[in-house]
Amino acid sequence: MKNKVTFRQILKEVEKTNVESLAKKAITANRLAKTLYGRSRRNAYRVKTETIIYVAKKMPKFVKIKEDKYLEDFYVVEFVLTNRSLHLPKSSIGKREN
């Protein structure tokens, strides 16, 4: 008799790859935003912010969120698997409980 693979098992197998892909998307959007102006820049930062928030909500074990020591209006979000960090405006997710 065959062992059937459940949907939950498939999700668990691809979870790390998905987080790495989403982290790359956020990092690329951030890098791109720094080269743009106006609406394009806002859109690139929006993609970065929405991607970070999605990962933080859906896969919280793969991110660490800390208050920025120097910029009081921002959090520092570290992607655990990639060892990369990005800033996230506090206004985009509200106040975080400690």
C-alpha atoms as a PDB file:
ATOM      1  CA  MET A   1       0.000   0.000   0.000  1.00  0.00           C
ATOM      2  CA  LYS A   2       1.303   3.440  -0.938  1.00  0.00           C
ATOM      3  CA  ASN A   3       1.837   6.165   1.609  1.00  0.00           C
ATOM      4  CA  LYS A   4      -0.147   9.158   0.516  1.00  0.00           C
ATOM      5  CA  VAL A   5       1.527  12.503   0.905  1.00  0.00           C
ATOM      6  CA  THR A   6      -0.748  15.059   2.500  1.00  0.00           C
ATOM      7  CA  PHE A   7      -1.021  18.662   1.441  1.00  0.00           C
ATOM      8  CA  ARG A   8       0.388  19.708   4.822  1.00  0.00           C
ATOM      9  CA  GLN A   9       3.486  17.556   4.226  1.00  0.00           C
ATOM     10  CA  ILE A  10       4.015  19.126   0.816  1.00  0.00           C
ATOM     11  CA  LEU A  11       3.755  22.607   2.326  1.00  0.00           C
ATOM     12  CA  LYS A  12       6.298  21.721   5.000  1.00  0.00           C
ATOM     13  CA  GLU A  13       8.736  20.490   2.332  1.00  0.00           C
ATOM     14  CA  VAL A  14       8.574  23.687   0.269  1.00  0.00           C
ATOM     15  CA  GLU A  15       8.333  26.143   3.173  1.00  0.00           C
ATOM     16  CA  LYS A  16      12.059  26.961   3.390  1.00  0.00           C
ATOM     17  CA  THR A  17      12.341  27.430  -0.360  1.00  0.00           C
ATOM     18  CA  ASN A  18       9.323  29.723  -0.320  1.00  0.00           C
ATOM     19  CA  VAL A  19      10.751  31.838   2.503  1.00  0.00           C
ATOM     20  CA  GLU A  20      14.074  32.165   0.693  1.00  0.00           C
ATOM     21  CA  SER A  21      12.247  33.196  -2.477  1.00  0.00           C
ATOM     22  CA  LEU A  22      10.125  35.765  -0.628  1.00  0.00           C
ATOM     23  CA  ALA A  23      13.207  37.147   1.154  1.00  0.00           C
ATOM     24  CA  LYS A  24      14.924  37.537  -2.205  1.00  0.00           C
ATOM     25  CA  LYS A  25      11.833  39.333  -3.544  1.00  0.00           C
ATOM     26  CA  ALA A  26      11.837  41.787  -0.621  1.00  0.00           C
ATOM     27  CA  ILE A  27      15.583  42.405  -0.893  1.00  0.00           C
ATOM     28  CA  THR A  28      15.345  42.974  -4.647  1.00  0.00           C
ATOM     29  CA  ALA A  29      12.389  45.356  -4.235  1.00  0.00           C
ATOM     30  CA  ASN A  30      14.347  47.302  -1.601  1.00  0.00           C
ATOM     31  CA  ARG A  31      17.422  47.542  -3.821  1.00  0.00           C
ATOM     32  CA  LEU A  32      15.293  48.635  -6.774  1.00  0.00           C
ATOM     33  CA  ALA A  33      13.408  51.244  -4.718  1.00  0.00           C
ATOM     34  CA  LYS A  34      16.674  52.939  -3.838  1.00  0.00           C
ATOM     35  CA  THR A  35      17.300  53.634  -7.534  1.00  0.00           C
ATOM     36  CA  LEU A  36      13.818  54.954  -8.374  1.00  0.00           C
ATOM     37  CA  TYR A  37      11.772  58.091  -7.752  1.00  0.00           C
ATOM     38  CA  GLY A  38       8.115  58.979  -7.275  1.00  0.00           C
ATOM     39  CA  ARG A  39       5.363  56.428  -7.739  1.00  0.00           C
ATOM     40  CA  SER A  40       7.741  53.683  -8.873  1.00  0.00           C
ATOM     41  CA  ARG A  41       9.768  54.058  -5.699  1.00  0.00           C
ATOM     42  CA  ARG A  42       6.638  53.916  -3.505  1.00  0.00           C
ATOM     43  CA  ASN A  43       5.460  50.811  -5.353  1.00  0.00           C
ATOM     44  CA  ALA A  44       8.790  49.039  -4.883  1.00  0.00           C
ATOM     45  CA  TYR A  45       8.802  49.851  -1.153  1.00  0.00           C
ATOM     46  CA  ARG A  46       5.174  48.659  -0.957  1.00  0.00           C
ATOM     47  CA  VAL A  47       6.180  45.299  -2.472  1.00  0.00           C
ATOM     48  CA  LYS A  48       8.997  45.010   0.059  1.00  0.00           C
ATOM     49  CA  THR A  49       6.742  45.889   2.991  1.00  0.00           C
ATOM     50  CA  GLU A  50       3.909  43.578   1.953  1.00  0.00           C
ATOM     51  CA  THR A  51       6.328  40.700   1.413  1.00  0.00           C
ATOM     52  CA  ILE A  52       7.908  41.140   4.840  1.00  0.00           C
ATOM     53  CA  ILE A  53       4.508  41.362   6.542  1.00  0.00           C
ATOM     54  CA  TYR A  54       3.319  38.226   4.738  1.00  0.00           C
ATOM     55  CA  VAL A  55       6.346  36.217   5.847  1.00  0.00           C
ATOM     56  CA  ALA A  56       6.095  37.549   9.412  1.00  0.00           C
ATOM     57  CA  LYS A  57       2.406  36.566   9.654  1.00  0.00           C
ATOM     58  CA  LYS A  58       2.440  33.252   7.797  1.00  0.00           C
ATOM     59  CA  MET A  59       5.923  31.932   8.644  1.00  0.00           C
ATOM     60  CA  PRO A  60       7.043  33.757  11.809  1.00  0.00           C
ATOM     61  CA  LYS A  61       9.734  31.236  12.736  1.00  0.00           C
ATOM     62  CA  PHE A  62      11.773  32.417   9.745  1.00  0.00           C
ATOM     63  CA  VAL A  63      12.007  36.094  10.751  1.00  0.00           C
ATOM     64  CA  LYS A  64      13.266  38.019  13.753  1.00  0.00           C
ATOM     65  CA  ILE A  65      11.763  41.446  14.331  1.00  0.00           C
ATOM     66  CA  LYS A  66      13.607  43.927  16.536  1.00  0.00           C
ATOM     67  CA  GLU A  67      13.304  47.631  17.195  1.00  0.00           C
ATOM     68  CA  ASP A  68      15.925  49.662  15.368  1.00  0.00           C
ATOM     69  CA  LYS A  69      18.394  51.199  17.832  1.00  0.00           C
ATOM     70  CA  TYR A  70      18.933  54.307  15.749  1.00  0.00           C
ATOM     71  CA  LEU A  71      15.728  54.885  13.774  1.00  0.00           C
ATOM     72  CA  GLU A  72      12.828  54.923  16.222  1.00  0.00           C
ATOM     73  CA  ASP A  73      10.157  54.728  13.513  1.00  0.00           C
ATOM     74  CA  PHE A  74      11.461  51.423  12.107  1.00  0.00           C
ATOM     75  CA  TYR A  75      11.837  47.757  12.935  1.00  0.00           C
ATOM     76  CA  VAL A  76      14.732  45.649  11.719  1.00  0.00           C
ATOM     77  CA  VAL A  77      13.465  42.414  10.197  1.00  0.00           C
ATOM     78  CA  GLU A  78      16.032  39.641   9.846  1.00  0.00           C
ATOM     79  CA  PHE A  79      15.360  36.715   7.535  1.00  0.00           C
ATOM     80  CA  VAL A  80      16.801  33.805   9.513  1.00  0.00           C
ATOM     81  CA  LEU A  81      17.636  31.583   6.532  1.00  0.00           C
ATOM     82  CA  THR A  82      19.405  34.269   4.508  1.00  0.00           C
ATOM     83  CA  ASN A  83      20.982  36.233   7.367  1.00  0.00           C
ATOM     84  CA  ARG A  84      19.824  39.441   5.647  1.00  0.00           C
ATOM     85  CA  SER A  85      17.962  42.290   7.315  1.00  0.00           C
ATOM     86  CA  LEU A  86      15.644  45.011   6.075  1.00  0.00           C
ATOM     87  CA  HIS A  87      13.955  47.987   7.697  1.00  0.00           C
ATOM     88  CA  LEU A  88      10.200  47.982   8.098  1.00  0.00           C
ATOM     89  CA  PRO A  89       8.295  51.142   9.046  1.00  0.00           C
ATOM     90  CA  LYS A  90       6.441  50.740  12.332  1.00  0.00           C
ATOM     91  CA  SER A  91       3.449  52.457  10.784  1.00  0.00           C
ATOM     92  CA  SER A  92       3.060  49.558   8.348  1.00  0.00           C
ATOM     93  CA  ILE A  93       2.271  46.999  11.051  1.00  0.00           C
ATOM     94  CA  GLY A  94       1.350  49.070  14.086  1.00  0.00           C
ATOM     95  CA  LYS A  95       2.993  48.745  17.469  1.00  0.00           C
ATOM     96  CA  ARG A  96       4.556  45.368  18.193  1.00  0.00           C
ATOM     97  CA  GLU A  97       4.022  43.738  21.545  1.00  0.00           C
ATOM     98  CA  ASN A  98       7.229  42.746  23.372  1.00  0.00           C
END
